[in-house]
């Protein structure tokens, strides 16, 4: 067990971070969990399923591996295609993505960050004012 304050340091020793939640649950399709950002900030190549917000963000950042088949068999088929060179490039991409996310967090409002992370997303509806 790793103490929460040591997660990024401990994770930095890994090359790949696999996070393949059950996408039959809406909250899993819409989630951007801390784990994803911990992987990026530790320079780990995240592996996530397609058709969820995590994959959209990783594609936007040109970082990580997105699996069309997130089953154990799909993961087993994808892993042999990862070479030491592609993993090293993926780790570099994770570091670049982390720097971009950090810079965005430091210089933008939450609304600006969301617009940057999800270009073309629909504006939220303010139900209190009927807008």
C-alpha atoms as a PDB file:
ATOM      1  CA  UNK A   1       0.000   0.000   0.000  1.00  0.00           C
ATOM      2  CA  UNK A   2       1.288   3.444  -0.938  1.00  0.00           C
ATOM      3  CA  UNK A   3       0.469   6.527   1.100  1.00  0.00           C
ATOM      4  CA  UNK A   4      -1.603   9.017  -0.928  1.00  0.00           C
ATOM      5  CA  UNK A   5       1.134  11.656  -0.679  1.00  0.00           C
ATOM      6  CA  UNK A   6       3.624   9.218  -2.291  1.00  0.00           C
ATOM      7  CA  UNK A   7       1.479   7.984  -5.203  1.00  0.00           C
ATOM      8  CA  UNK A   8       3.165  10.010  -7.942  1.00  0.00           C
ATOM      9  CA  UNK A   9       6.665   9.194  -6.661  1.00  0.00           C
ATOM     10  CA  UNK A  10       5.871   5.471  -6.433  1.00  0.00           C
ATOM     11  CA  UNK A  11       4.119   5.443  -9.790  1.00  0.00           C
ATOM     12  CA  UNK A  12       7.131   7.095 -11.443  1.00  0.00           C
ATOM     13  CA  UNK A  13       8.861   3.686 -11.270  1.00  0.00           C
ATOM     14  CA  UNK A  14       6.278   2.206 -13.676  1.00  0.00           C
ATOM     15  CA  UNK A  15       6.094   2.443 -17.466  1.00  0.00           C
ATOM     16  CA  UNK A  16       2.394   1.771 -18.062  1.00  0.00           C
ATOM     17  CA  UNK A  17      -0.719   2.668 -16.107  1.00  0.00           C
ATOM     18  CA  UNK A  18      -3.720   0.522 -16.952  1.00  0.00           C
ATOM     19  CA  UNK A  19      -7.135   1.913 -16.097  1.00  0.00           C
ATOM     20  CA  UNK A  20      -9.969   0.031 -17.799  1.00  0.00           C
ATOM     21  CA  UNK A  21     -13.181   0.693 -15.879  1.00  0.00           C
ATOM     22  CA  UNK A  22     -16.515  -0.887 -16.767  1.00  0.00           C
ATOM     23  CA  UNK A  23     -18.006   1.539 -19.295  1.00  0.00           C
ATOM     24  CA  UNK A  24     -21.517   0.182 -18.870  1.00  0.00           C
ATOM     25  CA  UNK A  25     -21.787   2.734 -16.040  1.00  0.00           C
ATOM     26  CA  UNK A  26     -22.310   6.311 -17.202  1.00  0.00           C
ATOM     27  CA  UNK A  27     -20.127   7.765 -14.438  1.00  0.00           C
ATOM     28  CA  UNK A  28     -17.196   5.674 -15.682  1.00  0.00           C
ATOM     29  CA  UNK A  29     -17.670   6.935 -19.247  1.00  0.00           C
ATOM     30  CA  UNK A  30     -17.741  10.564 -18.073  1.00  0.00           C
ATOM     31  CA  UNK A  31     -15.044  10.365 -15.396  1.00  0.00           C
ATOM     32  CA  UNK A  32     -11.640  12.010 -15.448  1.00  0.00           C
ATOM     33  CA  UNK A  33     -10.236  10.276 -12.363  1.00  0.00           C
ATOM     34  CA  UNK A  34      -7.216  11.445 -10.387  1.00  0.00           C
ATOM     35  CA  UNK A  35      -5.501   8.207 -11.391  1.00  0.00           C
ATOM     36  CA  UNK A  36      -5.290   9.422 -15.003  1.00  0.00           C
ATOM     37  CA  UNK A  37      -3.603  12.673 -13.971  1.00  0.00           C
ATOM     38  CA  UNK A  38      -1.313  10.867 -11.520  1.00  0.00           C
ATOM     39  CA  UNK A  39      -0.136   8.652 -14.389  1.00  0.00           C
ATOM     40  CA  UNK A  40       0.551  11.660 -16.623  1.00  0.00           C
ATOM     41  CA  UNK A  41       2.352  13.637 -13.924  1.00  0.00           C
ATOM     42  CA  UNK A  42       4.476  10.585 -13.103  1.00  0.00           C
ATOM     43  CA  UNK A  43       5.407  10.178 -16.773  1.00  0.00           C
ATOM     44  CA  UNK A  44       3.514   6.906 -17.115  1.00  0.00           C
ATOM     45  CA  UNK A  45       1.801   5.893 -20.350  1.00  0.00           C
ATOM     46  CA  UNK A  46      -1.903   5.604 -19.473  1.00  0.00           C
ATOM     47  CA  UNK A  47      -3.912   2.835 -21.119  1.00  0.00           C
ATOM     48  CA  UNK A  48      -7.635   3.587 -21.176  1.00  0.00           C
ATOM     49  CA  UNK A  49     -10.717   2.381 -23.067  1.00  0.00           C
ATOM     50  CA  UNK A  50     -12.076   4.174 -26.123  1.00  0.00           C
ATOM     51  CA  UNK A  51     -15.480   5.864 -26.031  1.00  0.00           C
ATOM     52  CA  UNK A  52     -15.017   7.731 -22.749  1.00  0.00           C
ATOM     53  CA  UNK A  53     -13.883  11.177 -21.603  1.00  0.00           C
ATOM     54  CA  UNK A  54     -10.446   9.846 -20.633  1.00  0.00           C
ATOM     55  CA  UNK A  55      -9.759   8.708 -24.187  1.00  0.00           C
ATOM     56  CA  UNK A  56     -10.944  12.049 -25.561  1.00  0.00           C
ATOM     57  CA  UNK A  57      -8.567  13.947 -23.310  1.00  0.00           C
ATOM     58  CA  UNK A  58      -5.628  11.658 -24.100  1.00  0.00           C
ATOM     59  CA  UNK A  59      -6.268  11.980 -27.827  1.00  0.00           C
ATOM     60  CA  UNK A  60      -6.438  15.764 -27.466  1.00  0.00           C
ATOM     61  CA  UNK A  61      -3.116  15.715 -25.594  1.00  0.00           C
ATOM     62  CA  UNK A  62      -1.531  13.134 -27.955  1.00  0.00           C
ATOM     63  CA  UNK A  63      -0.677  10.999 -24.942  1.00  0.00           C
ATOM     64  CA  UNK A  64      -1.479   7.468 -23.813  1.00  0.00           C
ATOM     65  CA  UNK A  65      -2.870   4.334 -25.408  1.00  0.00           C
ATOM     66  CA  UNK A  66      -6.572   4.036 -26.204  1.00  0.00           C
ATOM     67  CA  UNK A  67      -7.969   0.520 -26.535  1.00  0.00           C
ATOM     68  CA  UNK A  68     -10.958  -0.158 -28.748  1.00  0.00           C
ATOM     69  CA  UNK A  69     -11.280  -3.504 -26.959  1.00  0.00           C
ATOM     70  CA  UNK A  70     -10.757  -2.863 -23.223  1.00  0.00           C
ATOM     71  CA  UNK A  71     -11.279  -6.515 -22.264  1.00  0.00           C
ATOM     72  CA  UNK A  72      -8.433  -8.525 -20.715  1.00  0.00           C
ATOM     73  CA  UNK A  73      -7.953 -10.187 -24.121  1.00  0.00           C
ATOM     74  CA  UNK A  74      -7.850  -6.790 -25.853  1.00  0.00           C
ATOM     75  CA  UNK A  75      -5.195  -5.590 -23.405  1.00  0.00           C
ATOM     76  CA  UNK A  76      -3.211  -8.805 -23.885  1.00  0.00           C
ATOM     77  CA  UNK A  77      -3.289  -8.277 -27.650  1.00  0.00           C
ATOM     78  CA  UNK A  78      -2.190  -4.623 -27.374  1.00  0.00           C
ATOM     79  CA  UNK A  79       0.758  -5.060 -24.987  1.00  0.00           C
ATOM     80  CA  UNK A  80       3.100  -6.928 -27.380  1.00  0.00           C
ATOM     81  CA  UNK A  81       2.801  -4.008 -29.819  1.00  0.00           C
ATOM     82  CA  UNK A  82       4.394  -1.674 -27.281  1.00  0.00           C
ATOM     83  CA  UNK A  83       8.137  -1.522 -27.855  1.00  0.00           C
ATOM     84  CA  UNK A  84      10.742   0.033 -25.575  1.00  0.00           C
ATOM     85  CA  UNK A  85      10.910   2.895 -28.090  1.00  0.00           C
ATOM     86  CA  UNK A  86       7.137   3.464 -28.169  1.00  0.00           C
ATOM     87  CA  UNK A  87       6.976   3.295 -24.361  1.00  0.00           C
ATOM     88  CA  UNK A  88       9.794   5.862 -24.077  1.00  0.00           C
ATOM     89  CA  UNK A  89       7.984   8.119 -26.564  1.00  0.00           C
ATOM     90  CA  UNK A  90       4.754   7.603 -24.615  1.00  0.00           C
ATOM     91  CA  UNK A  91       6.441   8.576 -21.363  1.00  0.00           C
ATOM     92  CA  UNK A  92       7.779  11.742 -23.020  1.00  0.00           C
ATOM     93  CA  UNK A  93       4.255  12.504 -24.274  1.00  0.00           C
ATOM     94  CA  UNK A  94       2.871  11.982 -20.755  1.00  0.00           C
ATOM     95  CA  UNK A  95       5.385  14.490 -19.377  1.00  0.00           C
ATOM     96  CA  UNK A  96       4.481  17.014 -22.105  1.00  0.00           C
ATOM     97  CA  UNK A  97       0.777  16.537 -21.369  1.00  0.00           C
ATOM     98  CA  UNK A  98       1.391  17.040 -17.648  1.00  0.00           C
ATOM     99  CA  UNK A  99       3.257  20.290 -18.333  1.00  0.00           C
ATOM    100  CA  UNK A 100       0.395  21.498 -20.544  1.00  0.00           C
ATOM    101  CA  UNK A 101      -2.206  20.586 -17.927  1.00  0.00           C
ATOM    102  CA  UNK A 102      -0.200  22.260 -15.174  1.00  0.00           C
ATOM    103  CA  UNK A 103       0.266  25.429 -17.218  1.00  0.00           C
ATOM    104  CA  UNK A 104      -3.424  25.461 -18.090  1.00  0.00           C
ATOM    105  CA  UNK A 105      -4.402  25.032 -14.453  1.00  0.00           C
ATOM    106  CA  UNK A 106      -2.168  27.888 -13.407  1.00  0.00           C
ATOM    107  CA  UNK A 107      -3.317  30.370 -16.022  1.00  0.00           C
ATOM    108  CA  UNK A 108      -7.001  29.796 -16.714  1.00  0.00           C
ATOM    109  CA  UNK A 109     -10.364  29.797 -15.039  1.00  0.00           C
ATOM    110  CA  UNK A 110     -12.152  26.478 -14.696  1.00  0.00           C
ATOM    111  CA  UNK A 111     -14.423  27.359 -17.628  1.00  0.00           C
ATOM    112  CA  UNK A 112     -11.408  28.240 -19.771  1.00  0.00           C
ATOM    113  CA  UNK A 113      -9.672  24.986 -18.801  1.00  0.00           C
ATOM    114  CA  UNK A 114     -12.702  22.919 -19.781  1.00  0.00           C
ATOM    115  CA  UNK A 115     -13.043  24.760 -23.089  1.00  0.00           C
ATOM    116  CA  UNK A 116      -9.343  24.127 -23.774  1.00  0.00           C
ATOM    117  CA  UNK A 117      -9.536  20.444 -22.777  1.00  0.00           C
ATOM    118  CA  UNK A 118     -12.737  19.780 -24.725  1.00  0.00           C
ATOM    119  CA  UNK A 119     -12.841  22.058 -27.775  1.00  0.00           C
ATOM    120  CA  UNK A 120     -16.238  22.198 -29.419  1.00  0.00           C
ATOM    121  CA  UNK A 121     -18.053  21.048 -26.278  1.00  0.00           C
ATOM    122  CA  UNK A 122     -21.519  22.431 -25.741  1.00  0.00           C
ATOM    123  CA  UNK A 123     -21.848  25.301 -23.262  1.00  0.00           C
ATOM    124  CA  UNK A 124     -23.423  24.157 -19.972  1.00  0.00           C
ATOM    125  CA  UNK A 125     -27.040  25.089 -19.354  1.00  0.00           C
ATOM    126  CA  UNK A 126     -27.723  27.248 -16.312  1.00  0.00           C
ATOM    127  CA  UNK A 127     -31.006  25.734 -15.179  1.00  0.00           C
ATOM    128  CA  UNK A 128     -31.467  28.267 -12.381  1.00  0.00           C
ATOM    129  CA  UNK A 129     -31.876  31.113 -14.870  1.00  0.00           C
ATOM    130  CA  UNK A 130     -33.431  29.085 -17.653  1.00  0.00           C
ATOM    131  CA  UNK A 131     -30.541  29.827 -20.007  1.00  0.00           C
END
